[in-house]
Amino acid sequence: MRDMWDAEHTCTCGEKMHKKKFVLEGIEVRGWECRKCGEADLHGADAQKVLVLNKLKKGIPVKVGELGESLIIRFPKELAEYYKIEKGESLILKAENDKKIEIDVE
């Protein structure tokens, strides 16, 4: 499947748009910008990542379960997809303070 990043884009004013990297919500996203009128168009997949990250920043409630003698948490699908976490992967848990745990994805 061809990535739209490789396609040529034309602005509504009729000019050819040029590839450009933008920073949106602290994340670099690909897009195109018209040098004539300044119109910008973001790459759909990159813009979607920003939307998902904003949702994740607000927090997603999860329940704690039990498996044998261990406690487990389930990762919501969108969190696993965003961070590319798959079954069997190792993560690093760190205590940030007495109310917060940090998870490092390697």
C-alpha atoms as a PDB file:
ATOM      1  CA  MET A   1       0.000   0.000   0.000  1.00  0.00           C
ATOM      2  CA  ARG A   2       1.355   3.397  -0.981  1.00  0.00           C
ATOM      3  CA  ASP A   3       1.907   5.957   1.777  1.00  0.00           C
ATOM      4  CA  MET A   4       0.218   9.291   1.142  1.00  0.00           C
ATOM      5  CA  TRP A   5       3.489  10.942   2.262  1.00  0.00           C
ATOM      6  CA  ASP A   6       4.893  10.012  -1.143  1.00  0.00           C
ATOM      7  CA  ALA A   7       1.935  11.454  -3.078  1.00  0.00           C
ATOM      8  CA  GLU A   8       1.872  14.930  -4.607  1.00  0.00           C
ATOM      9  CA  HIS A   9      -0.556  17.337  -2.920  1.00  0.00           C
ATOM     10  CA  THR A  10      -2.218  20.362  -4.461  1.00  0.00           C
ATOM     11  CA  CYS A  11      -3.540  23.261  -2.397  1.00  0.00           C
ATOM     12  CA  THR A  12      -7.071  24.596  -2.784  1.00  0.00           C
ATOM     13  CA  CYS A  13      -5.475  27.697  -4.350  1.00  0.00           C
ATOM     14  CA  GLY A  14      -4.090  25.463  -7.109  1.00  0.00           C
ATOM     15  CA  GLU A  15      -0.414  25.520  -6.121  1.00  0.00           C
ATOM     16  CA  LYS A  16       1.679  22.417  -5.448  1.00  0.00           C
ATOM     17  CA  MET A  17       2.164  21.832  -1.711  1.00  0.00           C
ATOM     18  CA  HIS A  18       5.597  21.039  -0.280  1.00  0.00           C
ATOM     19  CA  LYS A  19       6.426  18.475   2.404  1.00  0.00           C
ATOM     20  CA  LYS A  20       7.023  19.926   5.836  1.00  0.00           C
ATOM     21  CA  LYS A  21       7.407  18.664   9.412  1.00  0.00           C
ATOM     22  CA  PHE A  22       5.201  20.386  11.992  1.00  0.00           C
ATOM     23  CA  VAL A  23       5.226  20.168  15.789  1.00  0.00           C
ATOM     24  CA  LEU A  24       1.737  19.622  17.168  1.00  0.00           C
ATOM     25  CA  GLU A  25       1.188  19.133  20.900  1.00  0.00           C
ATOM     26  CA  GLY A  26       4.931  18.483  21.241  1.00  0.00           C
ATOM     27  CA  ILE A  27       4.914  15.710  18.607  1.00  0.00           C
ATOM     28  CA  GLU A  28       6.516  15.959  15.184  1.00  0.00           C
ATOM     29  CA  VAL A  29       3.962  15.289  12.438  1.00  0.00           C
ATOM     30  CA  ARG A  30       4.372  15.172   8.684  1.00  0.00           C
ATOM     31  CA  GLY A  31       2.380  17.429   6.452  1.00  0.00           C
ATOM     32  CA  TRP A  32       2.353  19.717   3.462  1.00  0.00           C
ATOM     33  CA  GLU A  33       2.340  23.495   3.232  1.00  0.00           C
ATOM     34  CA  CYS A  34       1.497  25.830   0.369  1.00  0.00           C
ATOM     35  CA  ARG A  35       4.205  28.425  -0.105  1.00  0.00           C
ATOM     36  CA  LYS A  36       1.765  30.733  -1.871  1.00  0.00           C
ATOM     37  CA  CYS A  37      -1.134  30.974   0.607  1.00  0.00           C
ATOM     38  CA  GLY A  38       0.292  29.247   3.719  1.00  0.00           C
ATOM     39  CA  GLU A  39      -2.405  26.550   3.802  1.00  0.00           C
ATOM     40  CA  ALA A  40      -1.277  23.429   5.697  1.00  0.00           C
ATOM     41  CA  ASP A  41      -2.457  19.834   5.495  1.00  0.00           C
ATOM     42  CA  LEU A  42      -1.405  17.197   8.040  1.00  0.00           C
ATOM     43  CA  HIS A  43      -0.688  13.544   7.295  1.00  0.00           C
ATOM     44  CA  GLY A  44      -3.755  11.672   8.557  1.00  0.00           C
ATOM     45  CA  ALA A  45      -1.891   8.882  10.380  1.00  0.00           C
ATOM     46  CA  ASP A  46       0.375  11.353  12.187  1.00  0.00           C
ATOM     47  CA  ALA A  47      -2.548  13.587  13.171  1.00  0.00           C
ATOM     48  CA  GLN A  48      -4.356  10.511  14.538  1.00  0.00           C
ATOM     49  CA  LYS A  49      -1.349   9.740  16.779  1.00  0.00           C
ATOM     50  CA  VAL A  50      -1.649  13.219  18.317  1.00  0.00           C
ATOM     51  CA  LEU A  51      -5.364  12.680  19.007  1.00  0.00           C
ATOM     52  CA  VAL A  52      -4.706   9.304  20.665  1.00  0.00           C
ATOM     53  CA  LEU A  53      -1.862  10.736  22.761  1.00  0.00           C
ATOM     54  CA  ASN A  54      -4.119  13.541  24.012  1.00  0.00           C
ATOM     55  CA  LYS A  55      -6.686  10.945  25.090  1.00  0.00           C
ATOM     56  CA  LEU A  56      -3.989   8.886  26.820  1.00  0.00           C
ATOM     57  CA  LYS A  57      -2.668  11.964  28.650  1.00  0.00           C
ATOM     58  CA  LYS A  58      -6.089  12.403  30.251  1.00  0.00           C
ATOM     59  CA  GLY A  59      -5.861   8.853  31.552  1.00  0.00           C
ATOM     60  CA  ILE A  60      -7.716   5.638  30.843  1.00  0.00           C
ATOM     61  CA  PRO A  61      -9.134   3.731  33.802  1.00  0.00           C
ATOM     62  CA  VAL A  62      -7.999   0.108  34.083  1.00  0.00           C
ATOM     63  CA  LYS A  63      -8.850  -2.595  36.606  1.00  0.00           C
ATOM     64  CA  VAL A  64      -6.402  -4.638  38.600  1.00  0.00           C
ATOM     65  CA  GLY A  65      -6.887  -8.390  38.274  1.00  0.00           C
ATOM     66  CA  GLU A  66      -5.252 -11.433  39.763  1.00  0.00           C
ATOM     67  CA  LEU A  67      -3.318 -14.203  38.037  1.00  0.00           C
ATOM     68  CA  GLY A  68      -2.016 -16.851  40.398  1.00  0.00           C
ATOM     69  CA  GLU A  69      -0.348 -14.959  43.195  1.00  0.00           C
ATOM     70  CA  SER A  70       0.395 -11.883  41.080  1.00  0.00           C
ATOM     71  CA  LEU A  71      -1.678  -8.789  40.431  1.00  0.00           C
ATOM     72  CA  ILE A  72      -2.102  -7.828  36.771  1.00  0.00           C
ATOM     73  CA  ILE A  73      -3.336  -4.836  34.820  1.00  0.00           C
ATOM     74  CA  ARG A  74      -4.655  -4.943  31.277  1.00  0.00           C
ATOM     75  CA  PHE A  75      -3.473  -2.426  28.747  1.00  0.00           C
ATOM     76  CA  PRO A  76      -6.273  -0.877  26.687  1.00  0.00           C
ATOM     77  CA  LYS A  77      -5.921  -1.595  22.971  1.00  0.00           C
ATOM     78  CA  GLU A  78      -5.260   2.034  22.004  1.00  0.00           C
ATOM     79  CA  LEU A  79      -2.450   2.299  24.571  1.00  0.00           C
ATOM     80  CA  ALA A  80      -0.848  -0.934  23.346  1.00  0.00           C
ATOM     81  CA  GLU A  81      -1.163   0.153  19.707  1.00  0.00           C
ATOM     82  CA  TYR A  82       0.239   3.635  20.346  1.00  0.00           C
ATOM     83  CA  TYR A  83       3.305   2.294  22.177  1.00  0.00           C
ATOM     84  CA  LYS A  84       3.539  -0.869  20.016  1.00  0.00           C
ATOM     85  CA  ILE A  85       3.318  -3.168  23.043  1.00  0.00           C
ATOM     86  CA  GLU A  86       2.765  -6.825  22.195  1.00  0.00           C
ATOM     87  CA  LYS A  87       2.177  -9.969  24.203  1.00  0.00           C
ATOM     88  CA  GLY A  88       5.379 -11.261  25.771  1.00  0.00           C
ATOM     89  CA  GLU A  89       7.219  -7.931  25.700  1.00  0.00           C
ATOM     90  CA  SER A  90       9.114  -6.729  28.741  1.00  0.00           C
ATOM     91  CA  LEU A  91       8.401  -3.348  30.302  1.00  0.00           C
ATOM     92  CA  ILE A  92      10.227  -1.571  33.118  1.00  0.00           C
ATOM     93  CA  LEU A  93       8.181  -0.371  36.120  1.00  0.00           C
ATOM     94  CA  LYS A  94       9.658   2.411  38.254  1.00  0.00           C
ATOM     95  CA  ALA A  95       8.325   4.086  41.375  1.00  0.00           C
ATOM     96  CA  GLU A  96       8.051   7.808  40.703  1.00  0.00           C
ATOM     97  CA  ASN A  97       6.614   8.623  44.135  1.00  0.00           C
ATOM     98  CA  ASP A  98       4.156   7.036  46.588  1.00  0.00           C
ATOM     99  CA  LYS A  99       1.198   7.687  44.213  1.00  0.00           C
ATOM    100  CA  LYS A 100       2.712   7.278  40.751  1.00  0.00           C
ATOM    101  CA  ILE A 101       4.315   4.425  38.797  1.00  0.00           C
ATOM    102  CA  GLU A 102       6.251   5.032  35.596  1.00  0.00           C
ATOM    103  CA  ILE A 103       6.305   2.390  32.852  1.00  0.00           C
ATOM    104  CA  ASP A 104       9.167   2.420  30.358  1.00  0.00           C
ATOM    105  CA  VAL A 105       8.549   0.805  26.982  1.00  0.00           C
ATOM    106  CA  GLU A 106      11.791  -0.480  25.501  1.00  0.00           C
END
